PDB file of N, CA and C in Angstrom:
ATOM      1  N   MET A   1     -17.844  -0.308  -6.432  1.00  0.00           N
ATOM      2  CA  MET A   1     -17.243   0.727  -4.776  1.00  0.00           C
ATOM      3  C   MET A   1     -16.230   1.321  -4.767  1.00  0.00           C
ATOM      4  N   ILE A   2     -16.473   2.522  -4.454  1.00  0.00           N
ATOM      5  CA  ILE A   2     -15.621   4.044  -4.459  1.00  0.00           C
ATOM      6  C   ILE A   2     -14.655   3.793  -3.279  1.00  0.00           C
ATOM      7  N   TRP A   3     -13.246   3.637  -3.454  1.00  0.00           N
ATOM      8  CA  TRP A   3     -12.775   3.833  -2.242  1.00  0.00           C
ATOM      9  C   TRP A   3     -11.811   4.981  -2.146  1.00  0.00           C
ATOM     10  N   ASN A   4     -11.846   5.157  -1.135  1.00  0.00           N
ATOM     11  CA  ASN A   4     -10.603   6.613  -0.919  1.00  0.00           C
ATOM     12  C   ASN A   4      -9.613   6.084  -0.274  1.00  0.00           C
ATOM     13  N   VAL A   5      -8.145   6.809  -1.408  1.00  0.00           N
ATOM     14  CA  VAL A   5      -7.207   6.484  -0.813  1.00  0.00           C
ATOM     15  C   VAL A   5      -6.335   7.756  -0.327  1.00  0.00           C
ATOM     16  N   GLU A   6      -5.898   7.775   0.759  1.00  0.00           N
ATOM     17  CA  GLU A   6      -4.979   8.730   1.156  1.00  0.00           C
ATOM     18  C   GLU A   6      -3.417   8.316   1.560  1.00  0.00           C
ATOM     19  N   LEU A   7      -2.664   9.323   1.078  1.00  0.00           N
ATOM     20  CA  LEU A   7      -1.022   9.130   0.956  1.00  0.00           C
ATOM     21  C   LEU A   7      -0.453   9.951   2.434  1.00  0.00           C
ATOM     22  N   SER A   8       0.009   8.998   3.285  1.00  0.00           N
ATOM     23  CA  SER A   8       0.949  10.017   4.160  1.00  0.00           C
ATOM     24  C   SER A   8       1.589  10.993   3.498  1.00  0.00           C
ATOM     25  N   ARG A   9       2.324  11.770   4.083  1.00  0.00           N
ATOM     26  CA  ARG A   9       3.413  12.961   4.344  1.00  0.00           C
ATOM     27  C   ARG A   9       4.614  12.327   3.805  1.00  0.00           C
ATOM     28  N   GLN A  10       5.040  11.253   4.376  1.00  0.00           N
ATOM     29  CA  GLN A  10       6.153  10.036   4.097  1.00  0.00           C
ATOM     30  C   GLN A  10       6.063   9.726   2.852  1.00  0.00           C
ATOM     31  N   ALA A  11       4.999   9.425   2.169  1.00  0.00           N
ATOM     32  CA  ALA A  11       4.402   8.339   0.985  1.00  0.00           C
ATOM     33  C   ALA A  11       4.790   9.454   0.065  1.00  0.00           C
ATOM     34  N   GLU A  12       3.879  11.035   0.507  1.00  0.00           N
ATOM     35  CA  GLU A  12       4.434  11.835  -0.798  1.00  0.00           C
ATOM     36  C   GLU A  12       5.434  12.010  -0.763  1.00  0.00           C
ATOM     37  N   LYS A  13       6.231  12.534   0.177  1.00  0.00           N
ATOM     38  CA  LYS A  13       7.947  12.869   0.200  1.00  0.00           C
ATOM     39  C   LYS A  13       8.530  11.719  -0.904  1.00  0.00           C
ATOM     40  N   PHE A  14       8.372  10.300  -0.350  1.00  0.00           N
ATOM     41  CA  PHE A  14       8.633   9.522  -1.195  1.00  0.00           C
ATOM     42  C   PHE A  14       8.802   8.904  -2.990  1.00  0.00           C
ATOM     43  N   LEU A  15       7.710   9.550  -3.081  1.00  0.00           N
ATOM     44  CA  LEU A  15       6.712   9.158  -4.397  1.00  0.00           C
ATOM     45  C   LEU A  15       7.796  10.675  -5.380  1.00  0.00           C
ATOM     46  N   GLU A  16       7.530  11.902  -4.465  1.00  0.00           N
ATOM     47  CA  GLU A  16       8.433  13.444  -5.078  1.00  0.00           C
ATOM     48  C   GLU A  16       9.814  12.968  -5.229  1.00  0.00           C
ATOM     49  N   LYS A  17      10.767  12.394  -4.395  1.00  0.00           N
ATOM     50  CA  LYS A  17      11.898  12.168  -4.285  1.00  0.00           C
ATOM     51  C   LYS A  17      12.468  11.083  -5.047  1.00  0.00           C
ATOM     52  N   ASN A  18      11.991  10.121  -5.732  1.00  0.00           N
ATOM     53  CA  ASN A  18      12.395   9.103  -6.241  1.00  0.00           C
ATOM     54  C   ASN A  18      11.417   8.593  -7.410  1.00  0.00           C
ATOM     55  N   GLY A  19      10.752   9.594  -7.918  1.00  0.00           N
ATOM     56  CA  GLY A  19      10.344   9.550  -9.297  1.00  0.00           C
ATOM     57  C   GLY A  19       9.008   8.467  -9.333  1.00  0.00           C
ATOM     58  N   VAL A  20       8.310   7.892  -8.637  1.00  0.00           N
ATOM     59  CA  VAL A  20       7.521   6.660  -8.623  1.00  0.00           C
ATOM     60  C   VAL A  20       6.549   7.385  -8.823  1.00  0.00           C
ATOM     61  N   SER A  21       5.510   6.945  -9.975  1.00  0.00           N
ATOM     62  CA  SER A  21       4.365   7.701 -10.082  1.00  0.00           C
ATOM     63  C   SER A  21       3.177   7.337  -9.282  1.00  0.00           C
ATOM     64  N   ARG A  22       2.301   8.104  -9.036  1.00  0.00           N
ATOM     65  CA  ARG A  22       1.024   8.138  -8.290  1.00  0.00           C
ATOM     66  C   ARG A  22      -0.137   6.969  -8.716  1.00  0.00           C
ATOM     67  N   LYS A  23       0.492   6.659  -9.783  1.00  0.00           N
ATOM     68  CA  LYS A  23      -0.691   5.911 -10.715  1.00  0.00           C
ATOM     69  C   LYS A  23      -0.432   4.421 -10.376  1.00  0.00           C
ATOM     70  N   ASP A  24       0.833   4.110 -10.232  1.00  0.00           N
ATOM     71  CA  ASP A  24       1.427   2.845  -9.996  1.00  0.00           C
ATOM     72  C   ASP A  24       1.214   2.576  -8.683  1.00  0.00           C
ATOM     73  N   VAL A  25       1.190   3.199  -7.427  1.00  0.00           N
ATOM     74  CA  VAL A  25       0.788   3.124  -6.501  1.00  0.00           C
ATOM     75  C   VAL A  25      -0.713   2.529  -6.595  1.00  0.00           C
ATOM     76  N   PHE A  26      -1.732   3.416  -7.175  1.00  0.00           N
ATOM     77  CA  PHE A  26      -2.820   3.540  -6.952  1.00  0.00           C
ATOM     78  C   PHE A  26      -3.452   2.290  -7.724  1.00  0.00           C
ATOM     79  N   GLU A  27      -2.416   1.824  -8.981  1.00  0.00           N
ATOM     80  CA  GLU A  27      -2.931   0.379  -9.369  1.00  0.00           C
ATOM     81  C   GLU A  27      -2.279  -0.432  -8.249  1.00  0.00           C
ATOM     82  N   LEU A  28      -1.542  -0.612  -7.676  1.00  0.00           N
ATOM     83  CA  LEU A  28      -1.314  -2.138  -6.652  1.00  0.00           C
ATOM     84  C   LEU A  28      -2.396  -1.749  -5.680  1.00  0.00           C
ATOM     85  N   ILE A  29      -2.698  -0.808  -5.354  1.00  0.00           N
ATOM     86  CA  ILE A  29      -3.931  -0.723  -4.008  1.00  0.00           C
ATOM     87  C   ILE A  29      -4.970  -1.418  -4.677  1.00  0.00           C
ATOM     88  N   GLN A  30      -5.340  -1.029  -6.140  1.00  0.00           N
ATOM     89  CA  GLN A  30      -6.705  -1.753  -6.610  1.00  0.00           C
ATOM     90  C   GLN A  30      -6.372  -2.793  -6.523  1.00  0.00           C
ATOM     91  N   ALA A  31      -5.303  -3.717  -7.231  1.00  0.00           N
ATOM     92  CA  ALA A  31      -5.092  -4.947  -7.155  1.00  0.00           C
ATOM     93  C   ALA A  31      -5.277  -5.710  -5.998  1.00  0.00           C
ATOM     94  N   ALA A  32      -5.101  -5.172  -4.830  1.00  0.00           N
ATOM     95  CA  ALA A  32      -5.265  -5.288  -3.330  1.00  0.00           C
ATOM     96  C   ALA A  32      -6.205  -5.486  -2.940  1.00  0.00           C
ATOM     97  N   LEU A  33      -7.024  -4.651  -3.545  1.00  0.00           N
ATOM     98  CA  LEU A  33      -9.187  -4.614  -3.387  1.00  0.00           C
ATOM     99  C   LEU A  33      -9.490  -5.055  -3.845  1.00  0.00           C
ATOM    100  N   GLU A  34      -9.055  -6.005  -5.336  1.00  0.00           N
ATOM    101  CA  GLU A  34      -9.477  -6.778  -6.104  1.00  0.00           C
ATOM    102  C   GLU A  34      -9.129  -8.435  -5.567  1.00  0.00           C
ATOM    103  N   ARG A  35      -7.520  -8.326  -4.892  1.00  0.00           N
ATOM    104  CA  ARG A  35      -7.374  -9.728  -4.247  1.00  0.00           C
ATOM    105  C   ARG A  35      -8.418 -10.019  -2.579  1.00  0.00           C
ATOM    106  N   PHE A  36      -8.690  -8.887  -2.219  1.00  0.00           N
ATOM    107  CA  PHE A  36      -9.248  -9.128  -1.150  1.00  0.00           C
ATOM    108  C   PHE A  36     -11.193  -9.178  -1.146  1.00  0.00           C
ATOM    109  N   GLN A  37     -11.734  -9.170  -2.497  1.00  0.00           N
ATOM    110  CA  GLN A  37     -12.687  -9.417  -2.976  1.00  0.00           C
ATOM    111  C   GLN A  37     -12.827 -10.948  -3.841  1.00  0.00           C
ATOM    112  N   GLY A  38     -11.535 -11.739  -3.546  1.00  0.00           N
ATOM    113  CA  GLY A  38     -11.784 -13.089  -4.220  1.00  0.00           C
ATOM    114  C   GLY A  38     -11.455 -13.365  -5.715  1.00  0.00           C
ATOM    115  N   GLU A  39     -10.732 -12.320  -6.238  1.00  0.00           N
ATOM    116  CA  GLU A  39     -10.391 -11.911  -7.696  1.00  0.00           C
ATOM    117  C   GLU A  39      -8.978 -13.159  -7.543  1.00  0.00           C
ATOM    118  N   ASN A  40      -8.376 -13.804  -8.398  1.00  0.00           N
ATOM    119  CA  ASN A  40      -7.090 -14.196  -8.933  1.00  0.00           C
ATOM    120  C   ASN A  40      -6.317 -13.352  -9.154  1.00  0.00           C
ATOM    121  N   VAL A  41      -5.766 -12.530  -8.525  1.00  0.00           N
ATOM    122  CA  VAL A  41      -4.946 -11.223  -8.908  1.00  0.00           C
ATOM    123  C   VAL A  41      -3.531 -11.612  -8.506  1.00  0.00           C
ATOM    124  N   ASN A  42      -2.630 -11.180  -9.187  1.00  0.00           N
ATOM    125  CA  ASN A  42      -0.862 -11.797  -8.845  1.00  0.00           C
ATOM    126  C   ASN A  42      -0.531  -9.894  -8.360  1.00  0.00           C
ATOM    127  N   ILE A  43      -0.556 -10.178  -7.008  1.00  0.00           N
ATOM    128  CA  ILE A  43       0.117  -9.454  -6.315  1.00  0.00           C
ATOM    129  C   ILE A  43       0.671  -9.930  -4.977  1.00  0.00           C
ATOM    130  N   ASP A  44       1.784  -9.645  -4.760  1.00  0.00           N
ATOM    131  CA  ASP A  44       2.158  -9.962  -2.911  1.00  0.00           C
ATOM    132  C   ASP A  44       1.980  -9.032  -2.291  1.00  0.00           C
ATOM    133  N   ILE A  45       0.715  -9.449  -1.587  1.00  0.00           N
ATOM    134  CA  ILE A  45       0.362  -8.457  -0.539  1.00  0.00           C
ATOM    135  C   ILE A  45       0.645  -9.631   1.049  1.00  0.00           C
ATOM    136  N   ARG A  46       1.022  -8.988   1.978  1.00  0.00           N
ATOM    137  CA  ARG A  46       0.965  -9.674   3.313  1.00  0.00           C
ATOM    138  C   ARG A  46       0.199  -8.723   4.396  1.00  0.00           C
ATOM    139  N   LYS A  47      -0.279  -9.683   5.384  1.00  0.00           N
ATOM    140  CA  LYS A  47      -0.737  -8.835   6.563  1.00  0.00           C
ATOM    141  C   LYS A  47       0.316  -8.806   7.754  1.00  0.00           C
ATOM    142  N   LEU A  48       0.462  -8.025   8.020  1.00  0.00           N
ATOM    143  CA  LEU A  48       1.679  -7.774   8.933  1.00  0.00           C
ATOM    144  C   LEU A  48       1.433  -7.605  10.320  1.00  0.00           C
ATOM    145  N   LYS A  49       2.153  -8.000  11.079  1.00  0.00           N
ATOM    146  CA  LYS A  49       2.218  -8.548  12.822  1.00  0.00           C
ATOM    147  C   LYS A  49       3.006  -7.584  13.393  1.00  0.00           C
ATOM    148  N   GLY A  50       2.761  -7.755  14.829  1.00  0.00           N
ATOM    149  CA  GLY A  50       3.662  -6.850  15.926  1.00  0.00           C
ATOM    150  C   GLY A  50       3.550  -5.544  15.559  1.00  0.00           C
ATOM    151  N   LYS A  51       4.618  -4.460  15.585  1.00  0.00           N
ATOM    152  CA  LYS A  51       4.234  -2.931  15.535  1.00  0.00           C
ATOM    153  C   LYS A  51       3.303  -2.498  14.607  1.00  0.00           C
ATOM    154  N   TRP A  52       3.208  -3.481  13.148  1.00  0.00           N
ATOM    155  CA  TRP A  52       2.366  -3.019  12.202  1.00  0.00           C
ATOM    156  C   TRP A  52       1.082  -3.223  12.308  1.00  0.00           C
ATOM    157  N   ASP A  53       0.609  -4.057  13.438  1.00  0.00           N
ATOM    158  CA  ASP A  53      -0.565  -4.985  13.627  1.00  0.00           C
ATOM    159  C   ASP A  53      -1.639  -4.460  12.803  1.00  0.00           C
ATOM    160  N   GLY A  54      -2.458  -4.910  11.756  1.00  0.00           N
ATOM    161  CA  GLY A  54      -3.724  -4.003  11.369  1.00  0.00           C
ATOM    162  C   GLY A  54      -3.405  -3.473   9.833  1.00  0.00           C
ATOM    163  N   PHE A  55      -1.794  -3.434   9.622  1.00  0.00           N
ATOM    164  CA  PHE A  55      -1.640  -3.101   8.217  1.00  0.00           C
ATOM    165  C   PHE A  55      -1.253  -3.930   7.213  1.00  0.00           C
ATOM    166  N   HIS A  56      -1.028  -3.619   5.966  1.00  0.00           N
ATOM    167  CA  HIS A  56      -0.906  -4.662   4.934  1.00  0.00           C
ATOM    168  C   HIS A  56       0.226  -4.112   4.121  1.00  0.00           C
ATOM    169  N   ARG A  57       1.409  -5.258   3.614  1.00  0.00           N
ATOM    170  CA  ARG A  57       2.728  -4.910   2.983  1.00  0.00           C
ATOM    171  C   ARG A  57       2.021  -5.432   1.394  1.00  0.00           C
ATOM    172  N   ILE A  58       2.634  -4.674   0.759  1.00  0.00           N
ATOM    173  CA  ILE A  58       2.182  -4.665  -1.007  1.00  0.00           C
ATOM    174  C   ILE A  58       3.888  -4.825  -1.179  1.00  0.00           C
ATOM    175  N   ARG A  59       4.273  -5.497  -1.769  1.00  0.00           N
ATOM    176  CA  ARG A  59       5.709  -5.494  -2.306  1.00  0.00           C
ATOM    177  C   ARG A  59       5.858  -6.052  -3.833  1.00  0.00           C
ATOM    178  N   LYS A  60       6.212  -4.889  -4.705  1.00  0.00           N
ATOM    179  CA  LYS A  60       6.565  -4.651  -5.959  1.00  0.00           C
ATOM    180  C   LYS A  60       8.163  -4.575  -6.386  1.00  0.00           C
ATOM    181  N   GLY A  61       8.879  -5.455  -7.018  1.00  0.00           N
ATOM    182  CA  GLY A  61      10.093  -5.161  -6.826  1.00  0.00           C
ATOM    183  C   GLY A  61      10.645  -4.737  -5.660  1.00  0.00           C
ATOM    184  N   LYS A  62      11.442  -3.785  -5.573  1.00  0.00           N
ATOM    185  CA  LYS A  62      12.357  -3.579  -4.511  1.00  0.00           C
ATOM    186  C   LYS A  62      11.685  -2.341  -3.445  1.00  0.00           C
ATOM    187  N   VAL A  63      10.304  -1.767  -3.943  1.00  0.00           N
ATOM    188  CA  VAL A  63       9.774  -0.794  -3.436  1.00  0.00           C
ATOM    189  C   VAL A  63       8.512  -1.993  -2.343  1.00  0.00           C
ATOM    190  N   ARG A  64       7.962  -1.167  -1.195  1.00  0.00           N
ATOM    191  CA  ARG A  64       7.581  -2.002  -0.256  1.00  0.00           C
ATOM    192  C   ARG A  64       6.350  -0.647   0.197  1.00  0.00           C
ATOM    193  N   ILE A  65       4.800  -1.152  -0.101  1.00  0.00           N
ATOM    194  CA  ILE A  65       4.338   0.164   0.186  1.00  0.00           C
ATOM    195  C   ILE A  65       3.778  -1.046   1.678  1.00  0.00           C
ATOM    196  N   ILE A  66       3.591  -0.137   2.913  1.00  0.00           N
ATOM    197  CA  ILE A  66       2.509  -0.191   3.817  1.00  0.00           C
ATOM    198  C   ILE A  66       1.340   0.292   4.250  1.00  0.00           C
ATOM    199  N   ALA A  67       0.021  -0.077   4.013  1.00  0.00           N
ATOM    200  CA  ALA A  67      -1.078   0.404   3.872  1.00  0.00           C
ATOM    201  C   ALA A  67      -2.262   0.016   4.971  1.00  0.00           C
ATOM    202  N   GLU A  68      -3.044   0.431   5.311  1.00  0.00           N
ATOM    203  CA  GLU A  68      -3.771   0.403   6.164  1.00  0.00           C
ATOM    204  C   GLU A  68      -5.663   0.351   5.855  1.00  0.00           C
ATOM    205  N   PHE A  69      -6.303  -0.669   5.340  1.00  0.00           N
ATOM    206  CA  PHE A  69      -7.262  -0.936   4.765  1.00  0.00           C
ATOM    207  C   PHE A  69      -8.210  -1.312   5.898  1.00  0.00           C
ATOM    208  N   ASN A  70      -9.233  -0.037   5.229  1.00  0.00           N
ATOM    209  CA  ASN A  70     -10.128  -0.128   6.498  1.00  0.00           C
ATOM    210  C   ASN A  70     -11.995  -0.271   5.555  1.00  0.00           C
ATOM    211  N   PHE A  71     -12.470  -1.460   5.834  1.00  0.00           N
ATOM    212  CA  PHE A  71     -13.356  -1.578   4.913  1.00  0.00           C
ATOM    213  C   PHE A  71     -14.934  -0.895   5.353  1.00  0.00           C
ATOM    214  N   ASP A  72     -14.919  -0.882   6.601  1.00  0.00           N
ATOM    215  CA  ASP A  72     -16.326  -0.430   6.755  1.00  0.00           C
ATOM    216  C   ASP A  72     -16.384   1.548   6.499  1.00  0.00           C
ATOM    217  N   ASN A  73     -15.191   1.974   6.029  1.00  0.00           N
ATOM    218  CA  ASN A  73     -15.358   3.246   5.768  1.00  0.00           C
ATOM    219  C   ASN A  73     -15.088   3.428   3.628  1.00  0.00           C
ATOM    220  N   SER A  74     -14.498   2.468   3.757  1.00  0.00           N
ATOM    221  CA  SER A  74     -14.281   2.005   2.232  1.00  0.00           C
ATOM    222  C   SER A  74     -12.763   3.316   1.772  1.00  0.00           C
ATOM    223  N   SER A  75     -12.056   2.839   2.958  1.00  0.00           N
ATOM    224  CA  SER A  75     -10.498   3.927   2.612  1.00  0.00           C
ATOM    225  C   SER A  75      -9.407   3.221   2.561  1.00  0.00           C
ATOM    226  N   VAL A  76      -8.634   3.792   2.304  1.00  0.00           N
ATOM    227  CA  VAL A  76      -7.407   3.038   2.293  1.00  0.00           C
ATOM    228  C   VAL A  76      -6.242   4.512   2.589  1.00  0.00           C
ATOM    229  N   LEU A  77      -4.919   4.165   3.767  1.00  0.00           N
ATOM    230  CA  LEU A  77      -4.387   5.133   3.858  1.00  0.00           C
ATOM    231  C   LEU A  77      -3.191   4.248   3.536  1.00  0.00           C
ATOM    232  N   VAL A  78      -1.888   4.981   2.895  1.00  0.00           N
ATOM    233  CA  VAL A  78      -1.308   4.542   2.703  1.00  0.00           C
ATOM    234  C   VAL A  78      -0.167   4.906   3.725  1.00  0.00           C
ATOM    235  N   GLU A  79       0.229   4.602   4.757  1.00  0.00           N
ATOM    236  CA  GLU A  79       1.215   5.001   5.476  1.00  0.00           C
ATOM    237  C   GLU A  79       2.682   5.240   5.373  1.00  0.00           C
ATOM    238  N   VAL A  80       3.493   4.011   4.361  1.00  0.00           N
ATOM    239  CA  VAL A  80       4.805   4.401   4.220  1.00  0.00           C
ATOM    240  C   VAL A  80       4.878   3.567   2.972  1.00  0.00           C
ATOM    241  N   ILE A  81       5.950   4.504   2.251  1.00  0.00           N
ATOM    242  CA  ILE A  81       6.478   3.793   0.992  1.00  0.00           C
ATOM    243  C   ILE A  81       7.649   3.833   0.847  1.00  0.00           C
ATOM    244  N   ASP A  82       8.512   3.244   0.430  1.00  0.00           N
ATOM    245  CA  ASP A  82      10.273   2.954   0.704  1.00  0.00           C
ATOM    246  C   ASP A  82      10.648   1.809   0.332  1.00  0.00           C
ATOM    247  N   TRP A  83      12.214   1.719  -0.222  1.00  0.00           N
ATOM    248  CA  TRP A  83      12.649   0.652  -0.402  1.00  0.00           C
ATOM    249  C   TRP A  83      13.076  -0.514   0.633  1.00  0.00           C
ATOM    250  N   ARG A  84      12.942  -1.814   0.420  1.00  0.00           N
ATOM    251  CA  ARG A  84      12.868  -2.566   1.153  1.00  0.00           C
ATOM    252  C   ARG A  84      13.580  -2.881   2.375  1.00  0.00           C
ATOM    253  N   GLY A  85      14.910  -2.081   2.241  1.00  0.00           N
ATOM    254  CA  GLY A  85      15.666  -2.093   3.121  1.00  0.00           C
ATOM    255  C   GLY A  85      15.166  -1.352   4.742  1.00  0.00           C
ATOM    256  N   GLY A  86      14.340   0.056   3.914  1.00  0.00           N
ATOM    257  CA  GLY A  86      14.102   0.837   5.025  1.00  0.00           C
ATOM    258  C   GLY A  86      12.975   1.143   5.424  1.00  0.00           C
ATOM    259  N   VAL A  87      12.277   0.143   5.019  1.00  0.00           N
ATOM    260  CA  VAL A  87      10.721   0.623   5.412  1.00  0.00           C
ATOM    261  C   VAL A  87       9.795   0.383   6.374  1.00  0.00           C
ATOM    262  N   TYR A  88      10.472  -0.590   7.016  1.00  0.00           N
ATOM    263  CA  TYR A  88      10.061  -1.135   8.443  1.00  0.00           C
ATOM    264  C   TYR A  88      10.979  -0.546   9.696  1.00  0.00           C
ATOM    265  N   LYS A  89      11.526   0.685   9.408  1.00  0.00           N
ATOM    266  CA  LYS A  89      12.700   1.315  10.413  1.00  0.00           C
ATOM    267  C   LYS A  89      11.554   2.095  10.931  1.00  0.00           C
TER     268      LYS A  89
END
């Protein structure tokens, strides 16, 4: 199944400013999708609550990715990519 992955403007800016490659982000999204399909993949992903209800957080080192997975439309919206201290602000 092919998934459509979109990055928000904030996520694009973070990638440009900090030299993080888009490939790394897409690999983490792919690993998360494999986890959702029941495969045993080593990825730190959590469902968020409160203000971020409906989103998931992917943690890789000091970088946090907050994304919304829409399983009906096979699409992923990466809302925020930031360092661990500033991602939830």
